[in-house]
Amino acid sequence: APGTCVLARAVATRDTRWVCDEAWTRAMCERLPGATLGD
């Protein structure tokens, strides 16, 4: 729904995928427990 927070595991185009920094993403997740994690 509008207002849903999405934290990226990775960013993808149709031919490339960049993985996000795991430790930093984990630190953000801890502060945003309601966020949805995915690409």
PDB file of all heavy atoms in Angstrom:
ATOM      1  N   ALA A   1       0.830  -1.201   0.000  1.00  0.00           N
ATOM      2  CA  ALA A   1       0.000   0.000   0.000  1.00  0.00           C
ATOM      3  C   ALA A   1       0.867   1.254   0.000  1.00  0.00           C
ATOM      4  O   ALA A   1       2.051   1.211   0.375  1.00  0.00           O
ATOM      5  CB  ALA A   1      -0.900   0.002   1.237  1.00  0.00           C
ATOM      6  N   PRO A   2       0.302   2.394  -0.413  1.00  0.00           N
ATOM      7  CA  PRO A   2       1.047   3.649  -0.301  1.00  0.00           C
ATOM      8  C   PRO A   2       1.522   3.855   1.135  1.00  0.00           C
ATOM      9  O   PRO A   2       0.784   3.623   2.089  1.00  0.00           O
ATOM     10  CB  PRO A   2       0.000   4.702  -0.692  1.00  0.00           C
ATOM     11  CG  PRO A   2      -0.921   3.979  -1.628  1.00  0.00           C
ATOM     12  CD  PRO A   2      -1.016   2.585  -1.074  1.00  0.00           C
ATOM     13  N   GLY A   3       2.777   4.262   1.281  1.00  0.00           N
ATOM     14  CA  GLY A   3       3.367   4.443   2.599  1.00  0.00           C
ATOM     15  C   GLY A   3       4.172   3.258   3.090  1.00  0.00           C
ATOM     16  O   GLY A   3       4.827   3.339   4.134  1.00  0.00           O
ATOM     17  N   THR A   4       4.175   2.151   2.329  1.00  0.00           N
ATOM     18  CA  THR A   4       4.970   0.982   2.710  1.00  0.00           C
ATOM     19  C   THR A   4       6.459   1.267   2.502  1.00  0.00           C
ATOM     20  O   THR A   4       6.876   1.674   1.425  1.00  0.00           O
ATOM     21  CB  THR A   4       4.584  -0.242   1.869  1.00  0.00           C
ATOM     22  OG1 THR A   4       3.200  -0.537   2.057  1.00  0.00           O
ATOM     23  CG2 THR A   4       5.417  -1.464   2.268  1.00  0.00           C
ATOM     24  N   CYS A   5       7.262   1.041   3.537  1.00  0.00           N
ATOM     25  CA  CYS A   5       8.715   1.212   3.436  1.00  0.00           C
ATOM     26  C   CYS A   5       9.342  -0.067   2.889  1.00  0.00           C
ATOM     27  O   CYS A   5       9.088  -1.155   3.413  1.00  0.00           O
ATOM     28  CB  CYS A   5       9.321   1.519   4.803  1.00  0.00           C
ATOM     29  SG  CYS A   5       8.924   3.154   5.437  1.00  0.00           S
ATOM     30  N   VAL A   6      10.155   0.079   1.864  1.00  0.00           N
ATOM     31  CA  VAL A   6      10.869  -1.052   1.270  1.00  0.00           C
ATOM     32  C   VAL A   6      12.366  -0.833   1.455  1.00  0.00           C
ATOM     33  O   VAL A   6      12.921   0.153   0.957  1.00  0.00           O
ATOM     34  CB  VAL A   6      10.541  -1.208  -0.223  1.00  0.00           C
ATOM     35  CG1 VAL A   6      11.337  -2.372  -0.820  1.00  0.00           C
ATOM     36  CG2 VAL A   6       9.040  -1.430  -0.429  1.00  0.00           C
ATOM     37  N   LEU A   7      13.011  -1.741   2.163  1.00  0.00           N
ATOM     38  CA  LEU A   7      14.467  -1.740   2.300  1.00  0.00           C
ATOM     39  C   LEU A   7      15.030  -2.754   1.310  1.00  0.00           C
ATOM     40  O   LEU A   7      14.573  -3.892   1.260  1.00  0.00           O
ATOM     41  CB  LEU A   7      14.879  -2.131   3.720  1.00  0.00           C
ATOM     42  CG  LEU A   7      15.029  -0.999   4.728  1.00  0.00           C
ATOM     43  CD1 LEU A   7      15.234  -1.572   6.123  1.00  0.00           C
ATOM     44  CD2 LEU A   7      16.192  -0.094   4.359  1.00  0.00           C
ATOM     45  N   ALA A   8      16.006  -2.331   0.540  1.00  0.00           N
ATOM     46  CA  ALA A   8      16.507  -3.183  -0.540  1.00  0.00           C
ATOM     47  C   ALA A   8      17.539  -4.192  -0.060  1.00  0.00           C
ATOM     48  O   ALA A   8      18.493  -3.833   0.632  1.00  0.00           O
ATOM     49  CB  ALA A   8      17.107  -2.326  -1.634  1.00  0.00           C
ATOM     50  N   ARG A   9      17.341  -5.443  -0.433  1.00  0.00           N
ATOM     51  CA  ARG A   9      18.420  -6.431  -0.371  1.00  0.00           C
ATOM     52  C   ARG A   9      19.389  -6.193  -1.526  1.00  0.00           C
ATOM     53  O   ARG A   9      20.591  -6.377  -1.401  1.00  0.00           O
ATOM     54  CB  ARG A   9      17.858  -7.849  -0.487  1.00  0.00           C
ATOM     55  CG  ARG A   9      17.189  -8.401   0.748  1.00  0.00           C
ATOM     56  CD  ARG A   9      17.074  -9.914   0.626  1.00  0.00           C
ATOM     57  NE  ARG A   9      16.411 -10.490   1.771  1.00  0.00           N
ATOM     58  CZ  ARG A   9      15.109 -10.797   1.831  1.00  0.00           C
ATOM     59  NH1 ARG A   9      14.349 -10.571   0.773  1.00  0.00           N
ATOM     60  NH2 ARG A   9      14.580 -11.318   2.914  1.00  0.00           N
ATOM     61  N   ALA A  10      18.803  -5.820  -2.663  1.00  0.00           N
ATOM     62  CA  ALA A  10      19.584  -5.558  -3.863  1.00  0.00           C
ATOM     63  C   ALA A  10      18.788  -4.628  -4.759  1.00  0.00           C
ATOM     64  O   ALA A  10      17.576  -4.462  -4.590  1.00  0.00           O
ATOM     65  CB  ALA A  10      19.907  -6.858  -4.597  1.00  0.00           C
ATOM     66  N   VAL A  11      19.481  -4.026  -5.725  1.00  0.00           N
ATOM     67  CA  VAL A  11      18.848  -3.207  -6.757  1.00  0.00           C
ATOM     68  C   VAL A  11      19.088  -3.896  -8.091  1.00  0.00           C
ATOM     69  O   VAL A  11      20.217  -4.313  -8.394  1.00  0.00           O
ATOM     70  CB  VAL A  11      19.417  -1.782  -6.768  1.00  0.00           C
ATOM     71  CG1 VAL A  11      18.928  -1.005  -7.986  1.00  0.00           C
ATOM     72  CG2 VAL A  11      19.028  -1.055  -5.479  1.00  0.00           C
ATOM     73  N   ALA A  12      18.036  -4.018  -8.882  1.00  0.00           N
ATOM     74  CA  ALA A  12      18.140  -4.796 -10.122  1.00  0.00           C
ATOM     75  C   ALA A  12      17.593  -4.021 -11.310  1.00  0.00           C
ATOM     76  O   ALA A  12      16.627  -3.269 -11.202  1.00  0.00           O
ATOM     77  CB  ALA A  12      17.370  -6.101  -9.975  1.00  0.00           C
ATOM     78  N   THR A  13      18.241  -4.217 -12.456  1.00  0.00           N
ATOM     79  CA  THR A  13      17.660  -3.876 -13.745  1.00  0.00           C
ATOM     80  C   THR A  13      17.371  -5.208 -14.442  1.00  0.00           C
ATOM     81  O   THR A  13      17.530  -6.273 -13.859  1.00  0.00           O
ATOM     82  CB  THR A  13      18.621  -3.022 -14.585  1.00  0.00           C
ATOM     83  OG1 THR A  13      19.823  -3.771 -14.818  1.00  0.00           O
ATOM     84  CG2 THR A  13      18.973  -1.727 -13.869  1.00  0.00           C
ATOM     85  N   ARG A  14      16.975  -5.150 -15.700  1.00  0.00           N
ATOM     86  CA  ARG A  14      16.663  -6.407 -16.384  1.00  0.00           C
ATOM     87  C   ARG A  14      17.902  -7.271 -16.621  1.00  0.00           C
ATOM     88  O   ARG A  14      17.790  -8.474 -16.826  1.00  0.00           O
ATOM     89  CB  ARG A  14      15.955  -6.122 -17.715  1.00  0.00           C
ATOM     90  CG  ARG A  14      14.533  -5.583 -17.527  1.00  0.00           C
ATOM     91  CD  ARG A  14      13.803  -5.468 -18.841  1.00  0.00           C
ATOM     92  NE  ARG A  14      12.452  -4.931 -18.666  1.00  0.00           N
ATOM     93  CZ  ARG A  14      11.389  -5.661 -18.391  1.00  0.00           C
ATOM     94  NH1 ARG A  14      11.505  -6.964 -18.251  1.00  0.00           N
ATOM     95  NH2 ARG A  14      10.201  -5.097 -18.238  1.00  0.00           N
ATOM     96  N   ASP A  15      19.100  -6.675 -16.564  1.00  0.00           N
ATOM     97  CA  ASP A  15      20.301  -7.467 -16.849  1.00  0.00           C
ATOM     98  C   ASP A  15      21.401  -7.364 -15.789  1.00  0.00           C
ATOM     99  O   ASP A  15      22.451  -7.990 -15.931  1.00  0.00           O
ATOM    100  CB  ASP A  15      20.886  -7.089 -18.216  1.00  0.00           C
ATOM    101  CG  ASP A  15      21.170  -5.603 -18.338  1.00  0.00           C
ATOM    102  OD1 ASP A  15      21.073  -4.881 -17.321  1.00  0.00           O
ATOM    103  OD2 ASP A  15      21.491  -5.161 -19.451  1.00  0.00           O
ATOM    104  N   THR A  16      21.205  -6.581 -14.724  1.00  0.00           N
ATOM    105  CA  THR A  16      22.234  -6.409 -13.697  1.00  0.00           C
ATOM    106  C   THR A  16      21.581  -6.348 -12.317  1.00  0.00           C
ATOM    107  O   THR A  16      20.462  -5.880 -12.179  1.00  0.00           O
ATOM    108  CB  THR A  16      23.041  -5.115 -13.929  1.00  0.00           C
ATOM    109  OG1 THR A  16      23.480  -5.062 -15.278  1.00  0.00           O
ATOM    110  CG2 THR A  16      24.244  -5.024 -12.999  1.00  0.00           C
ATOM    111  N   ARG A  17      22.330  -6.847 -11.321  1.00  0.00           N
ATOM    112  CA  ARG A  17      21.832  -6.816  -9.946  1.00  0.00           C
ATOM    113  C   ARG A  17      22.982  -6.432  -9.018  1.00  0.00           C
ATOM    114  O   ARG A  17      24.045  -7.042  -9.062  1.00  0.00           O
ATOM    115  CB  ARG A  17      21.267  -8.184  -9.543  1.00  0.00           C
ATOM    116  CG  ARG A  17      20.568  -8.232  -8.192  1.00  0.00           C
ATOM    117  CD  ARG A  17      19.897  -9.596  -8.008  1.00  0.00           C
ATOM    118  NE  ARG A  17      19.154  -9.688  -6.768  1.00  0.00           N
ATOM    119  CZ  ARG A  17      19.634 -10.173  -5.631  1.00  0.00           C
ATOM    120  NH1 ARG A  17      20.902 -10.630  -5.590  1.00  0.00           N
ATOM    121  NH2 ARG A  17      18.908 -10.225  -4.538  1.00  0.00           N
ATOM    122  N   TRP A  18      22.769  -5.400  -8.201  1.00  0.00           N
ATOM    123  CA  TRP A  18      23.763  -4.945  -7.239  1.00  0.00           C
ATOM    124  C   TRP A  18      23.268  -5.262  -5.831  1.00  0.00           C
ATOM    125  O   TRP A  18      22.183  -4.811  -5.428  1.00  0.00           O
ATOM    126  CB  TRP A  18      23.987  -3.442  -7.351  1.00  0.00           C
ATOM    127  CG  TRP A  18      24.526  -2.974  -8.662  1.00  0.00           C
ATOM    128  CD1 TRP A  18      25.831  -2.852  -9.031  1.00  0.00           C
ATOM    129  CD2 TRP A  18      23.761  -2.530  -9.804  1.00  0.00           C
ATOM    130  NE1 TRP A  18      25.939  -2.366 -10.315  1.00  0.00           N
ATOM    131  CE2 TRP A  18      24.678  -2.157 -10.804  1.00  0.00           C
ATOM    132  CE3 TRP A  18      22.380  -2.405 -10.055  1.00  0.00           C
ATOM    133  CZ2 TRP A  18      24.270  -1.678 -12.044  1.00  0.00           C
ATOM    134  CZ3 TRP A  18      21.974  -1.938 -11.279  1.00  0.00           C
ATOM    135  CH2 TRP A  18      22.912  -1.577 -12.271  1.00  0.00           C
ATOM    136  N   VAL A  19      24.047  -5.999  -5.065  1.00  0.00           N
ATOM    137  CA  VAL A  19      23.656  -6.374  -3.709  1.00  0.00           C
ATOM    138  C   VAL A  19      23.987  -5.233  -2.754  1.00  0.00           C
ATOM    139  O   VAL A  19      25.071  -4.644  -2.817  1.00  0.00           O
ATOM    140  CB  VAL A  19      24.383  -7.664  -3.277  1.00  0.00           C
ATOM    141  CG1 VAL A  19      24.036  -8.015  -1.833  1.00  0.00           C
ATOM    142  CG2 VAL A  19      24.004  -8.802  -4.212  1.00  0.00           C
ATOM    143  N   CYS A  20      23.055  -4.910  -1.869  1.00  0.00           N
ATOM    144  CA  CYS A  20      23.263  -3.845  -0.889  1.00  0.00           C
ATOM    145  C   CYS A  20      24.173  -4.313   0.242  1.00  0.00           C
ATOM    146  O   CYS A  20      24.310  -5.515   0.492  1.00  0.00           O
ATOM    147  CB  CYS A  20      21.921  -3.385  -0.322  1.00  0.00           C
ATOM    148  SG  CYS A  20      20.852  -2.605  -1.563  1.00  0.00           S
ATOM    149  N   ASP A  21      24.784  -3.348   0.917  1.00  0.00           N
ATOM    150  CA  ASP A  21      25.666  -3.663   2.036  1.00  0.00           C
ATOM    151  C   ASP A  21      24.861  -4.343   3.151  1.00  0.00           C
ATOM    152  O   ASP A  21      23.914  -3.767   3.686  1.00  0.00           O
ATOM    153  CB  ASP A  21      26.321  -2.388   2.554  1.00  0.00           C
ATOM    154  CG  ASP A  21      27.345  -2.663   3.621  1.00  0.00           C
ATOM    155  OD1 ASP A  21      28.496  -2.962   3.276  1.00  0.00           O
ATOM    156  OD2 ASP A  21      26.986  -2.598   4.814  1.00  0.00           O
ATOM    157  N   GLU A  22      25.256  -5.560   3.495  1.00  0.00           N
ATOM    158  CA  GLU A  22      24.461  -6.363   4.428  1.00  0.00           C
ATOM    159  C   GLU A  22      24.424  -5.757   5.832  1.00  0.00           C
ATOM    160  O   GLU A  22      23.359  -5.683   6.457  1.00  0.00           O
ATOM    161  CB  GLU A  22      25.028  -7.779   4.486  1.00  0.00           C
ATOM    162  CG  GLU A  22      24.203  -8.729   5.346  1.00  0.00           C
ATOM    163  CD  GLU A  22      24.740 -10.142   5.326  1.00  0.00           C
ATOM    164  OE1 GLU A  22      25.656 -10.420   4.523  1.00  0.00           O
ATOM    165  OE2 GLU A  22      24.237 -10.969   6.109  1.00  0.00           O
ATOM    166  N   ALA A  23      25.570  -5.330   6.338  1.00  0.00           N
ATOM    167  CA  ALA A  23      25.612  -4.798   7.704  1.00  0.00           C
ATOM    168  C   ALA A  23      24.812  -3.510   7.818  1.00  0.00           C
ATOM    169  O   ALA A  23      24.073  -3.301   8.792  1.00  0.00           O
ATOM    170  CB  ALA A  23      27.060  -4.564   8.126  1.00  0.00           C
ATOM    171  N   TRP A  24      24.939  -2.644   6.838  1.00  0.00           N
ATOM    172  CA  TRP A  24      24.204  -1.377   6.866  1.00  0.00           C
ATOM    173  C   TRP A  24      22.703  -1.621   6.741  1.00  0.00           C
ATOM    174  O   TRP A  24      21.899  -1.033   7.477  1.00  0.00           O
ATOM    175  CB  TRP A  24      24.704  -0.481   5.740  1.00  0.00           C
ATOM    176  CG  TRP A  24      24.226   0.939   5.800  1.00  0.00           C
ATOM    177  CD1 TRP A  24      23.535   1.543   6.809  1.00  0.00           C
ATOM    178  CD2 TRP A  24      24.410   1.932   4.800  1.00  0.00           C
ATOM    179  NE1 TRP A  24      23.284   2.852   6.495  1.00  0.00           N
ATOM    180  CE2 TRP A  24      23.814   3.117   5.269  1.00  0.00           C
ATOM    181  CE3 TRP A  24      25.042   1.926   3.556  1.00  0.00           C
ATOM    182  CZ2 TRP A  24      23.818   4.302   4.526  1.00  0.00           C
ATOM    183  CZ3 TRP A  24      25.058   3.101   2.823  1.00  0.00           C
ATOM    184  CH2 TRP A  24      24.448   4.274   3.298  1.00  0.00           C
ATOM    185  N   THR A  25      22.313  -2.493   5.838  1.00  0.00           N
ATOM    186  CA  THR A  25      20.890  -2.811   5.684  1.00  0.00           C
ATOM    187  C   THR A  25      20.327  -3.401   6.959  1.00  0.00           C
ATOM    188  O   THR A  25      19.197  -3.084   7.368  1.00  0.00           O
ATOM    189  CB  THR A  25      20.694  -3.776   4.501  1.00  0.00           C
ATOM    190  OG1 THR A  25      21.209  -3.174   3.310  1.00  0.00           O
ATOM    191  CG2 THR A  25      19.220  -4.107   4.306  1.00  0.00           C
ATOM    192  N   ARG A  26      21.097  -4.258   7.625  1.00  0.00           N
ATOM    193  CA  ARG A  26      20.654  -4.841   8.881  1.00  0.00           C
ATOM    194  C   ARG A  26      20.469  -3.760   9.952  1.00  0.00           C
ATOM    195  O   ARG A  26      19.488  -3.776  10.714  1.00  0.00           O
ATOM    196  CB  ARG A  26      21.649  -5.891   9.351  1.00  0.00           C
ATOM    197  CG  ARG A  26      21.212  -6.636  10.619  1.00  0.00           C
ATOM    198  CD  ARG A  26      22.056  -7.877  10.848  1.00  0.00           C
ATOM    199  NE  ARG A  26      23.473  -7.565  10.970  1.00  0.00           N
ATOM    200  CZ  ARG A  26      24.403  -7.897  10.078  1.00  0.00           C
ATOM    201  NH1 ARG A  26      24.069  -8.558   8.970  1.00  0.00           N
ATOM    202  NH2 ARG A  26      25.671  -7.584  10.267  1.00  0.00           N
ATOM    203  N   ALA A  27      21.380  -2.795  10.011  1.00  0.00           N
ATOM    204  CA  ALA A  27      21.255  -1.698  10.978  1.00  0.00           C
ATOM    205  C   ALA A  27      20.005  -0.868  10.707  1.00  0.00           C
ATOM    206  O   ALA A  27      19.309  -0.438  11.637  1.00  0.00           O
ATOM    207  CB  ALA A  27      22.498  -0.812  10.921  1.00  0.00           C
ATOM    208  N   MET A  28      19.693  -0.660   9.433  1.00  0.00           N
ATOM    209  CA  MET A  28      18.489   0.078   9.082  1.00  0.00           C
ATOM    210  C   MET A  28      17.240  -0.718   9.437  1.00  0.00           C
ATOM    211  O   MET A  28      16.246  -0.160   9.931  1.00  0.00           O
ATOM    212  CB  MET A  28      18.515   0.432   7.592  1.00  0.00           C
ATOM    213  CG  MET A  28      19.628   1.410   7.225  1.00  0.00           C
ATOM    214  SD  MET A  28      19.810   1.667   5.430  1.00  0.00           S
ATOM    215  CE  MET A  28      18.418   2.744   5.112  1.00  0.00           C
ATOM    216  N   CYS A  29      17.280  -2.025   9.196  1.00  0.00           N
ATOM    217  CA  CYS A  29      16.137  -2.884   9.530  1.00  0.00           C
ATOM    218  C   CYS A  29      15.819  -2.829  11.029  1.00  0.00           C
ATOM    219  O   CYS A  29      14.651  -2.836  11.429  1.00  0.00           O
ATOM    220  CB  CYS A  29      16.428  -4.329   9.133  1.00  0.00           C
ATOM    221  SG  CYS A  29      16.166  -4.696   7.391  1.00  0.00           S
ATOM    222  N   GLU A  30      16.861  -2.791  11.844  1.00  0.00           N
ATOM    223  CA  GLU A  30      16.660  -2.759  13.292  1.00  0.00           C
ATOM    224  C   GLU A  30      15.930  -1.491  13.725  1.00  0.00           C
ATOM    225  O   GLU A  30      15.196  -1.502  14.710  1.00  0.00           O
ATOM    226  CB  GLU A  30      18.005  -2.870  14.003  1.00  0.00           C
ATOM    227  CG  GLU A  30      18.636  -4.255  13.874  1.00  0.00           C
ATOM    228  CD  GLU A  30      20.052  -4.305  14.407  1.00  0.00           C
ATOM    229  OE1 GLU A  30      20.570  -3.230  14.828  1.00  0.00           O
ATOM    230  OE2 GLU A  30      20.638  -5.398  14.411  1.00  0.00           O
ATOM    231  N   ARG A  31      16.120  -0.408  12.992  1.00  0.00           N
ATOM    232  CA  ARG A  31      15.461   0.849  13.325  1.00  0.00           C
ATOM    233  C   ARG A  31      14.111   1.016  12.623  1.00  0.00           C
ATOM    234  O   ARG A  31      13.330   1.898  12.980  1.00  0.00           O
ATOM    235  CB  ARG A  31      16.377   2.018  12.965  1.00  0.00           C
ATOM    236  CG  ARG A  31      17.687   1.972  13.746  1.00  0.00           C
ATOM    237  CD  ARG A  31      18.489   3.231  13.577  1.00  0.00           C
ATOM    238  NE  ARG A  31      19.782   3.118  14.262  1.00  0.00           N
ATOM    239  CZ  ARG A  31      20.589   4.144  14.494  1.00  0.00           C
ATOM    240  NH1 ARG A  31      20.238   5.352  14.105  1.00  0.00           N
ATOM    241  NH2 ARG A  31      21.748   3.955  15.102  1.00  0.00           N
ATOM    242  N   LEU A  32      13.871   0.171  11.617  1.00  0.00           N
ATOM    243  CA  LEU A  32      12.608   0.226  10.874  1.00  0.00           C
ATOM    244  C   LEU A  32      11.978  -1.166  10.857  1.00  0.00           C
ATOM    245  O   LEU A  32      11.906  -1.822   9.821  1.00  0.00           O
ATOM    246  CB  LEU A  32      12.862   0.699   9.441  1.00  0.00           C
ATOM    247  CG  LEU A  32      13.496   2.080   9.279  1.00  0.00           C
ATOM    248  CD1 LEU A  32      13.870   2.318   7.822  1.00  0.00           C
ATOM    249  CD2 LEU A  32      12.561   3.171   9.775  1.00  0.00           C
ATOM    250  N   PRO A  33      11.510  -1.639  12.019  1.00  0.00           N
ATOM    251  CA  PRO A  33      11.023  -3.021  12.093  1.00  0.00           C
ATOM    252  C   PRO A  33       9.816  -3.307  11.208  1.00  0.00           C
ATOM    253  O   PRO A  33       9.543  -4.460  10.888  1.00  0.00           O
ATOM    254  CB  PRO A  33      10.692  -3.187  13.576  1.00  0.00           C
ATOM    255  CG  PRO A  33      10.476  -1.800  14.086  1.00  0.00           C
ATOM    256  CD  PRO A  33      11.417  -0.940  13.312  1.00  0.00           C
ATOM    257  N   GLY A  34       9.089  -2.290  10.792  1.00  0.00           N
ATOM    258  CA  GLY A  34       7.936  -2.516   9.930  1.00  0.00           C
ATOM    259  C   GLY A  34       8.237  -2.505   8.459  1.00  0.00           C
ATOM    260  O   GLY A  34       7.340  -2.707   7.624  1.00  0.00           O
ATOM    261  N   ALA A  35       9.496  -2.295   8.088  1.00  0.00           N
ATOM    262  CA  ALA A  35       9.855  -2.215   6.673  1.00  0.00           C
ATOM    263  C   ALA A  35       9.803  -3.585   6.012  1.00  0.00           C
ATOM    264  O   ALA A  35      10.021  -4.619   6.646  1.00  0.00           O
ATOM    265  CB  ALA A  35      11.244  -1.617   6.516  1.00  0.00           C
ATOM    266  N   THR A  36       9.520  -3.591   4.715  1.00  0.00           N
ATOM    267  CA  THR A  36       9.513  -4.808   3.908  1.00  0.00           C
ATOM    268  C   THR A  36      10.869  -4.933   3.224  1.00  0.00           C
ATOM    269  O   THR A  36      11.364  -3.978   2.619  1.00  0.00           O
ATOM    270  CB  THR A  36       8.399  -4.747   2.858  1.00  0.00           C
ATOM    271  OG1 THR A  36       7.132  -4.610   3.525  1.00  0.00           O
ATOM    272  CG2 THR A  36       8.382  -6.010   2.012  1.00  0.00           C
ATOM    273  N   LEU A  37      11.472  -6.119   3.311  1.00  0.00           N
ATOM    274  CA  LEU A  37      12.795  -6.343   2.760  1.00  0.00           C
ATOM    275  C   LEU A  37      12.688  -7.093   1.432  1.00  0.00           C
ATOM    276  O   LEU A  37      11.992  -8.110   1.338  1.00  0.00           O
ATOM    277  CB  LEU A  37      13.626  -7.159   3.749  1.00  0.00           C
ATOM    278  CG  LEU A  37      15.137  -7.259   3.522  1.00  0.00           C
ATOM    279  CD1 LEU A  37      15.793  -5.882   3.584  1.00  0.00           C
ATOM    280  CD2 LEU A  37      15.748  -8.186   4.556  1.00  0.00           C
ATOM    281  N   GLY A  38      13.348  -6.594   0.400  1.00  0.00           N
ATOM    282  CA  GLY A  38      13.312  -7.255  -0.900  1.00  0.00           C
ATOM    283  C   GLY A  38      14.053  -6.435  -1.932  1.00  0.00           C
ATOM    284  O   GLY A  38      14.639  -5.399  -1.620  1.00  0.00           O
ATOM    285  N   ASP A  39      14.042  -6.876  -3.174  1.00  0.00           N
ATOM    286  CA  ASP A  39      14.750  -6.163  -4.235  1.00  0.00           C
ATOM    287  C   ASP A  39      13.964  -4.937  -4.689  1.00  0.00           C
ATOM    288  O   ASP A  39      12.726  -4.903  -4.639  1.00  0.00           O
ATOM    289  CB  ASP A  39      14.989  -7.071  -5.438  1.00  0.00           C
ATOM    290  CG  ASP A  39      16.127  -8.051  -5.205  1.00  0.00           C
ATOM    291  OD1 ASP A  39      16.630  -8.135  -4.066  1.00  0.00           O
ATOM    292  OD2 ASP A  39      16.506  -8.741  -6.174  1.00  0.00           O
TER     293      ASP A  39
END
